[in-house]
Protein backbone atom coordinates (compact mmCIF):
# COMPACT_ATOMS: atom_id res chain seq x y z
CA MET A 1 -26.39 9.94 15.39
CA ALA A 2 -23.16 9.93 17.48
CA ALA A 3 -23.23 6.22 16.99
CA LEU A 4 -23.45 6.67 13.54
CA GLY A 5 -20.24 8.89 13.55
CA PHE A 6 -18.30 6.52 15.23
CA VAL A 7 -19.24 3.44 12.99
CA PHE A 8 -18.38 5.42 9.94
CA GLY A 9 -14.95 6.62 11.71
CA ILE A 10 -14.00 2.65 12.51
CA THR A 11 -14.49 2.16 8.87
CA GLY A 12 -12.71 4.89 7.53
CA MET A 13 -9.82 3.78 9.41
CA THR A 14 -9.86 0.33 8.49
CA PHE A 15 -9.90 1.29 5.06
CA GLY A 16 -7.28 3.68 5.69
CA LEU A 17 -5.11 1.14 6.88
CA ALA A 18 -5.93 -1.44 4.33
CA GLY A 19 -4.95 1.18 1.86
CA MET A 20 -1.94 1.75 3.29
CA ALA A 21 -0.88 -1.44 3.29
CA ILE A 22 -1.82 -1.87 0.18
CA ALA A 23 0.39 1.13 -1.04
CA MET A 24 3.36 -0.19 0.99
CA SER A 25 3.03 -3.87 -0.65
CA ALA A 26 2.73 -2.40 -4.36
CA LEU A 27 6.00 -0.03 -3.62
CA ALA A 28 7.80 -3.18 -2.39
CA LYS A 29 6.74 -4.84 -5.59
CA LEU A 30 8.06 -1.84 -7.65
CA LYS A 31 11.46 -1.86 -5.77
CA GLU A 32 11.88 -5.57 -6.67
CA LEU A 33 11.10 -4.85 -10.52
CA ASP A 34 12.99 -1.87 -10.02
CA THR A 35 16.15 -3.73 -8.81
CA ARG A 36 15.62 -6.96 -11.25
CA ILE A 37 15.70 -4.55 -14.20
CA THR A 38 19.06 -2.78 -12.89
CA LYS A 39 20.63 -6.34 -12.48
CA LEU A 40 19.48 -6.38 -16.31
CA ASP A 41 21.10 -3.68 -17.22
CA SER A 42 24.34 -4.03 -15.75
CA ASN A 43 24.41 -7.70 -17.13
CA LEU A 44 24.00 -6.25 -20.86
């Protein structure tokens, strides 16, 4: 029973870290788009 909890804990942590990495890259992409849009606005 304890081993099962340990395995689930490790799996949960791995998914959590992966989710965080995905969120961070998505945020970076959004910021990139935002700066591009701002540049386009200033060009008009």
